[in-house]
N, C-alpha and C. Protein backbone atom coordinates (compact mmCIF):
# COMPACT_ATOMS: atom_id res chain seq x y z
N MET A 1 -24.41 -10.61 -18.25
CA MET A 1 -23.53 -10.76 -18.61
C MET A 1 -23.03 -9.90 -19.24
N GLY A 2 -23.60 -8.71 -19.83
CA GLY A 2 -22.89 -7.71 -20.82
C GLY A 2 -22.20 -6.97 -20.05
N CYS A 3 -22.46 -7.03 -18.72
CA CYS A 3 -21.65 -6.03 -17.55
C CYS A 3 -20.56 -6.40 -17.45
N ALA A 4 -20.03 -7.62 -17.41
CA ALA A 4 -19.35 -8.36 -16.80
C ALA A 4 -18.37 -7.97 -18.43
N GLY A 5 -18.91 -8.39 -19.12
CA GLY A 5 -18.04 -8.35 -20.88
C GLY A 5 -17.58 -6.89 -21.06
N SER A 6 -18.22 -5.98 -20.69
CA SER A 6 -18.15 -4.44 -20.74
C SER A 6 -17.09 -3.78 -20.06
N SER A 7 -16.61 -4.73 -18.33
CA SER A 7 -16.05 -3.66 -17.64
C SER A 7 -14.85 -4.46 -17.61
N GLN A 8 -14.32 -5.91 -18.52
CA GLN A 8 -13.06 -6.13 -18.96
C GLN A 8 -11.52 -5.65 -18.87
N ALA A 9 -11.79 -4.47 -19.42
CA ALA A 9 -10.70 -3.16 -19.45
C ALA A 9 -10.29 -2.46 -17.62
N LYS A 10 -11.43 -2.76 -17.60
CA LYS A 10 -11.77 -2.40 -15.81
C LYS A 10 -11.29 -3.43 -14.76
N GLY A 11 -10.76 -4.33 -14.94
CA GLY A 11 -10.31 -4.92 -14.32
C GLY A 11 -10.61 -6.75 -13.43
N ASP A 12 -11.48 -7.08 -14.43
CA ASP A 12 -12.08 -8.37 -14.33
C ASP A 12 -10.50 -9.18 -13.95
N GLY A 13 -9.98 -9.62 -13.27
CA GLY A 13 -9.26 -10.29 -13.13
C GLY A 13 -7.46 -9.56 -13.39
N ALA A 14 -7.36 -8.31 -14.65
CA ALA A 14 -6.93 -7.59 -14.86
C ALA A 14 -5.56 -7.02 -13.66
N VAL A 15 -4.98 -7.45 -13.79
CA VAL A 15 -3.65 -7.22 -12.80
C VAL A 15 -2.92 -5.32 -12.58
N LYS A 16 -3.28 -4.54 -11.40
CA LYS A 16 -3.21 -3.36 -11.68
C LYS A 16 -2.17 -2.82 -11.50
N LYS A 17 -1.85 -2.02 -12.00
CA LYS A 17 0.08 -1.51 -11.83
C LYS A 17 0.41 -0.68 -10.78
N ILE A 18 0.72 -0.91 -10.10
CA ILE A 18 1.12 -0.15 -9.22
C ILE A 18 2.08 1.20 -8.96
N ARG A 19 1.48 2.24 -8.62
CA ARG A 19 2.76 3.24 -8.53
C ARG A 19 2.88 4.38 -7.07
N LYS A 20 4.03 5.00 -6.87
CA LYS A 20 3.80 5.57 -5.54
C LYS A 20 2.69 6.66 -5.37
N PRO A 21 2.52 6.79 -4.30
CA PRO A 21 1.29 7.95 -3.91
C PRO A 21 1.54 9.16 -5.14
N LYS A 22 0.91 10.45 -4.84
CA LYS A 22 1.07 11.48 -5.33
C LYS A 22 1.68 12.06 -4.13
N PRO A 23 2.41 12.86 -4.73
CA PRO A 23 3.31 14.01 -3.89
C PRO A 23 2.00 14.51 -2.74
N TRP A 24 2.61 14.45 -0.96
CA TRP A 24 1.94 15.08 0.13
C TRP A 24 2.69 15.92 1.38
N LYS A 25 1.74 16.30 1.40
CA LYS A 25 2.31 17.21 3.08
C LYS A 25 1.67 16.56 3.97
N HIS A 26 2.67 16.22 4.88
CA HIS A 26 2.43 16.07 6.64
C HIS A 26 2.12 17.22 7.36
N SER A 27 0.85 17.65 8.23
CA SER A 27 0.68 18.26 8.77
C SER A 27 1.13 17.94 10.24
N PRO A 28 2.04 18.25 11.33
CA PRO A 28 2.48 19.37 11.18
C PRO A 28 3.93 18.48 10.87
N GLN A 29 4.83 19.46 10.01
CA GLN A 29 6.29 18.89 9.69
C GLN A 29 6.82 17.72 10.69
N ILE A 30 7.21 16.63 10.00
CA ILE A 30 8.11 15.67 10.70
C ILE A 30 9.57 15.91 10.31
N THR A 31 9.87 15.02 11.79
CA THR A 31 11.77 14.30 10.90
C THR A 31 11.62 12.89 9.96
N LYS A 32 12.76 12.54 9.90
CA LYS A 32 12.70 11.17 8.89
C LYS A 32 12.61 10.21 10.44
N SER A 33 13.28 10.38 11.74
CA SER A 33 13.08 9.57 12.68
C SER A 33 11.49 10.02 13.05
N GLU A 34 11.29 10.89 12.91
CA GLU A 34 9.69 10.50 13.71
C GLU A 34 8.80 9.87 12.67
N LEU A 35 9.24 10.14 11.12
CA LEU A 35 8.16 9.30 9.81
C LEU A 35 8.67 7.73 10.43
N MET A 36 10.00 7.29 10.46
CA MET A 36 10.64 6.16 10.74
C MET A 36 9.72 5.57 11.71
N GLN A 37 9.35 5.82 13.05
CA GLN A 37 8.65 5.62 14.16
C GLN A 37 7.51 5.30 13.64
N MET A 38 6.34 6.72 13.40
CA MET A 38 5.63 6.29 12.84
C MET A 38 4.89 4.69 12.14
N ARG A 39 6.26 4.74 10.76
CA ARG A 39 6.08 3.78 10.40
C ARG A 39 5.96 2.51 10.78
N ASP A 40 6.94 2.18 12.07
CA ASP A 40 7.37 1.36 12.63
C ASP A 40 5.71 0.87 13.49
N GLU A 41 5.36 2.17 13.73
CA GLU A 41 4.02 1.57 14.74
C GLU A 41 3.24 0.95 14.19
N PHE A 42 2.87 1.28 12.86
CA PHE A 42 1.96 1.03 12.15
C PHE A 42 2.06 -0.48 11.50
N TRP A 43 3.61 -0.88 11.42
CA TRP A 43 2.82 -2.15 10.92
C TRP A 43 3.64 -3.03 12.00
N ASP A 44 3.52 -2.42 13.48
CA ASP A 44 3.62 -3.52 14.60
C ASP A 44 2.09 -3.89 14.50
N THR A 45 1.35 -2.93 14.58
CA THR A 45 -0.21 -2.61 15.30
C THR A 45 -0.82 -3.02 13.85
N ALA A 46 -0.14 -3.03 12.78
CA ALA A 46 -1.59 -3.19 11.26
C ALA A 46 -2.40 -4.59 11.50
N PRO A 47 -1.71 -5.94 11.77
CA PRO A 47 -2.30 -7.32 11.90
C PRO A 47 -3.80 -7.05 13.00
N HIS A 48 -3.82 -6.35 13.82
CA HIS A 48 -4.40 -6.28 14.93
C HIS A 48 -5.82 -5.51 14.03
N TYR A 49 -5.59 -4.92 13.12
CA TYR A 49 -7.14 -4.33 12.11
C TYR A 49 -7.30 -5.72 11.94
N GLY A 50 -7.25 -6.53 11.50
CA GLY A 50 -8.26 -7.54 10.66
C GLY A 50 -7.02 -8.08 9.70
N GLY A 51 -7.64 -8.87 8.47
CA GLY A 51 -6.59 -9.21 7.85
C GLY A 51 -5.89 -10.71 7.96
N ARG A 52 -4.89 -10.67 6.75
CA ARG A 52 -4.30 -11.95 7.09
C ARG A 52 -2.63 -11.05 7.72
N LYS A 53 -2.16 -12.28 8.53
CA LYS A 53 -0.87 -11.55 8.85
C LYS A 53 0.45 -11.86 7.63
N GLU A 54 -0.10 -12.51 6.63
CA GLU A 54 0.94 -13.18 5.71
C GLU A 54 1.23 -11.90 4.44
N ILE A 55 -0.15 -11.53 4.38
CA ILE A 55 -0.74 -10.31 3.42
C ILE A 55 -0.48 -9.27 4.13
N TRP A 56 -0.25 -8.76 5.07
CA TRP A 56 0.36 -7.49 6.10
C TRP A 56 1.46 -7.70 5.88
N ASP A 57 2.48 -8.52 6.07
CA ASP A 57 3.95 -8.93 5.23
C ASP A 57 4.18 -8.60 3.94
N ALA A 58 3.14 -9.22 3.04
CA ALA A 58 3.76 -8.76 1.85
C ALA A 58 3.34 -7.60 1.48
N LEU A 59 2.73 -6.64 1.86
CA LEU A 59 2.43 -5.03 1.84
C LEU A 59 3.49 -4.85 2.18
N HIS A 60 4.10 -4.97 3.79
CA HIS A 60 5.13 -3.94 4.30
C HIS A 60 6.01 -4.46 3.25
N ALA A 61 6.94 -5.33 3.00
CA ALA A 61 8.00 -5.42 1.72
C ALA A 61 7.60 -4.44 0.62
N ALA A 62 6.61 -4.93 0.27
CA ALA A 62 5.77 -4.21 -0.88
C ALA A 62 6.22 -2.74 -1.12
N ALA A 63 6.01 -2.26 0.51
CA ALA A 63 5.95 -0.74 0.78
C ALA A 63 7.19 -0.30 0.83
N ASP A 64 8.28 -0.88 1.21
CA ASP A 64 9.37 -0.95 1.15
C ASP A 64 10.52 -1.25 0.24
N ALA A 65 9.80 -1.96 -0.99
CA ALA A 65 10.73 -2.28 -1.86
C ALA A 65 10.19 -1.01 -3.31
N ASP A 66 11.68 -0.93 -4.54
CA ASP A 66 11.19 0.14 -5.50
C ASP A 66 9.75 -0.86 -6.44
N LEU A 67 9.43 -0.24 -7.47
CA LEU A 67 7.87 -0.44 -7.79
C LEU A 67 8.05 -1.72 -8.69
N THR A 68 9.07 -2.33 -9.50
CA THR A 68 9.07 -3.84 -9.92
C THR A 68 9.17 -4.85 -9.01
N LEU A 69 9.93 -4.27 -7.74
CA LEU A 69 9.74 -5.46 -6.75
C LEU A 69 8.30 -5.96 -6.10
N ALA A 70 7.96 -4.43 -5.54
CA ALA A 70 6.93 -4.33 -5.20
C ALA A 70 5.11 -5.14 -6.18
N GLN A 71 5.77 -4.46 -7.26
CA GLN A 71 4.87 -5.38 -7.85
C GLN A 71 4.38 -6.77 -8.03
N ALA A 72 6.11 -7.46 -7.50
CA ALA A 72 6.08 -9.04 -7.82
C ALA A 72 5.38 -9.51 -6.65
N ILE A 73 5.60 -8.35 -5.61
CA ILE A 73 5.45 -9.38 -4.58
C ILE A 73 3.58 -9.23 -4.29
N VAL A 74 3.11 -8.22 -4.45
CA VAL A 74 1.94 -8.09 -4.53
C VAL A 74 1.00 -9.40 -5.19
N ASP A 75 1.55 -9.22 -6.26
CA ASP A 75 1.51 -10.16 -7.49
C ASP A 75 1.10 -11.57 -6.65
N SER A 76 2.36 -12.34 -6.71
CA SER A 76 2.20 -13.52 -5.86
C SER A 76 1.65 -13.74 -4.68
N ALA A 77 1.60 -12.38 -3.65
CA ALA A 77 0.73 -13.13 -2.17
C ALA A 77 -0.47 -12.49 -2.62
N GLY A 78 -1.14 -12.74 -4.28
CA GLY A 78 -2.50 -12.13 -4.29
C GLY A 78 -2.89 -11.42 -3.73
N VAL A 79 -2.86 -10.47 -3.59
CA VAL A 79 -3.37 -9.02 -3.09
C VAL A 79 -4.18 -8.43 -4.45
N ILE A 80 -4.82 -7.57 -3.91
CA ILE A 80 -6.16 -7.13 -5.32
C ILE A 80 -5.83 -5.75 -4.80
N VAL A 81 -5.09 -4.99 -5.61
CA VAL A 81 -4.91 -3.78 -5.52
C VAL A 81 -6.15 -2.41 -6.27
N GLN A 82 -6.50 -1.82 -5.38
CA GLN A 82 -8.12 -1.28 -5.77
C GLN A 82 -7.47 0.17 -5.86
N SER A 83 -6.61 0.67 -5.30
CA SER A 83 -6.02 1.81 -5.88
C SER A 83 -4.63 1.67 -6.04
N ALA A 84 -4.17 2.43 -6.77
CA ALA A 84 -2.52 1.71 -7.51
C ALA A 84 -1.68 2.40 -6.98
N ASP A 85 -2.06 3.34 -5.72
CA ASP A 85 -0.82 3.82 -5.01
C ASP A 85 -0.54 2.78 -3.71
N LEU A 86 -1.74 1.50 -3.60
CA LEU A 86 -1.59 0.59 -2.74
C LEU A 86 -2.11 1.13 -0.65
N THR A 87 -2.69 2.31 -1.28
CA THR A 87 -3.31 2.63 0.01
C THR A 87 -4.59 2.02 0.08
N VAL A 88 -5.14 1.27 -0.96
CA VAL A 88 -6.63 0.56 -0.59
C VAL A 88 -6.22 -0.96 -1.09
N CYS A 89 -6.01 -2.10 -0.81
CA CYS A 89 -5.93 -3.40 -1.00
C CYS A 89 -6.77 -4.41 -0.45
N TYR A 90 -7.19 -5.16 -0.94
CA TYR A 90 -7.91 -6.38 -0.54
C TYR A 90 -7.04 -7.71 -0.79
N ASP A 91 -7.66 -8.95 0.18
CA ASP A 91 -7.39 -10.29 -0.13
C ASP A 91 -8.61 -10.42 -1.17
N GLU A 92 -8.10 -12.23 -1.76
CA GLU A 92 -9.08 -13.19 -2.18
C GLU A 92 -10.25 -13.37 -1.05
N ARG A 93 -9.75 -13.53 0.05
CA ARG A 93 -11.13 -13.29 0.85
C ARG A 93 -11.52 -12.34 1.57
N GLY A 94 -11.47 -10.77 0.59
CA GLY A 94 -12.61 -9.95 0.37
C GLY A 94 -11.82 -9.29 1.77
N ALA A 95 -10.77 -8.94 2.52
CA ALA A 95 -10.64 -8.24 3.42
C ALA A 95 -9.52 -6.85 3.18
N LYS A 96 -10.43 -6.11 3.68
CA LYS A 96 -9.72 -4.28 3.18
C LYS A 96 -8.21 -4.38 4.02
N TYR A 97 -7.23 -4.06 3.07
CA TYR A 97 -6.20 -3.32 3.73
C TYR A 97 -6.12 -2.25 3.76
N GLU A 98 -5.81 -1.00 4.83
CA GLU A 98 -5.66 0.28 4.41
C GLU A 98 -4.09 0.70 4.46
N LEU A 99 -3.53 1.48 3.94
CA LEU A 99 -1.95 1.66 4.15
C LEU A 99 -2.04 3.11 4.16
N PRO A 100 -1.93 3.67 5.06
CA PRO A 100 -1.59 5.36 4.81
C PRO A 100 -0.25 5.57 3.96
N LYS A 101 -0.28 6.56 3.76
CA LYS A 101 0.31 7.73 2.57
C LYS A 101 2.19 7.62 3.64
N TYR A 102 2.19 7.36 5.15
CA TYR A 102 2.98 7.93 5.30
C TYR A 102 3.82 6.29 5.19
N VAL A 103 3.51 5.31 5.07
CA VAL A 103 4.26 3.61 5.28
C VAL A 103 4.66 3.75 3.51
N LEU A 104 4.18 5.06 2.83
CA LEU A 104 4.39 4.39 1.45
C LEU A 104 5.49 5.36 0.56
N SER A 105 5.55 6.34 1.27
CA SER A 105 6.55 7.30 0.98
C SER A 105 6.61 8.21 1.67
N GLU A 106 7.57 9.60 1.22
CA GLU A 106 8.00 10.88 2.65
C GLU A 106 7.09 11.93 2.03
N PRO A 107 6.93 12.50 3.02
CA PRO A 107 5.84 14.24 2.63
C PRO A 107 6.89 14.90 1.89
N ILE A 108 6.57 15.96 1.14
CA ILE A 108 7.45 16.21 0.57
C ILE A 108 8.13 17.54 1.33
N ASN A 109 7.79 18.02 2.90
CA ASN A 109 7.52 18.98 3.39
C ASN A 109 8.17 17.95 4.82
N LEU A 110 8.96 17.21 4.74
CA LEU A 110 10.08 15.85 5.73
C LEU A 110 11.25 16.58 6.61
N ILE A 111 11.70 16.94 7.45
CA ILE A 111 12.65 18.26 8.24
C ILE A 111 14.04 16.52 7.99
N ARG A 112 14.83 16.78 7.42
CA ARG A 112 15.66 16.25 7.73
C ARG A 112 16.37 16.17 8.93
N ASP A 113 16.95 14.84 9.24
CA ASP A 113 17.86 14.49 10.53
C ASP A 113 19.51 15.26 10.31
N ASN A 114 19.73 16.20 11.05
CA ASN A 114 21.35 15.63 10.94
C ASN A 114 22.13 15.01 11.39
């Protein structure tokens, strides 16, 4: 019981505030259209990796939203945020959801399409 009491500040039921991923680079460099294609492919196949479709849908909506709306989406869907940048999340049943950084933010070396 002492352990549970001492870890209250670390997250026993506490909501973790989400943030955008830290700046990152993609190797090799990709264009905006290539990034969008990678994102589409990920979201089309993500539910097949396990977990519940409604949680994947909530994570997709959160990834496309600003931080305030994203926080509301994950909170209302019951998503347990392990990593504040949303790269690792769980649902109430313990299913793990891993999101690549490229669906959450753009790389700093992105080639802009003309």
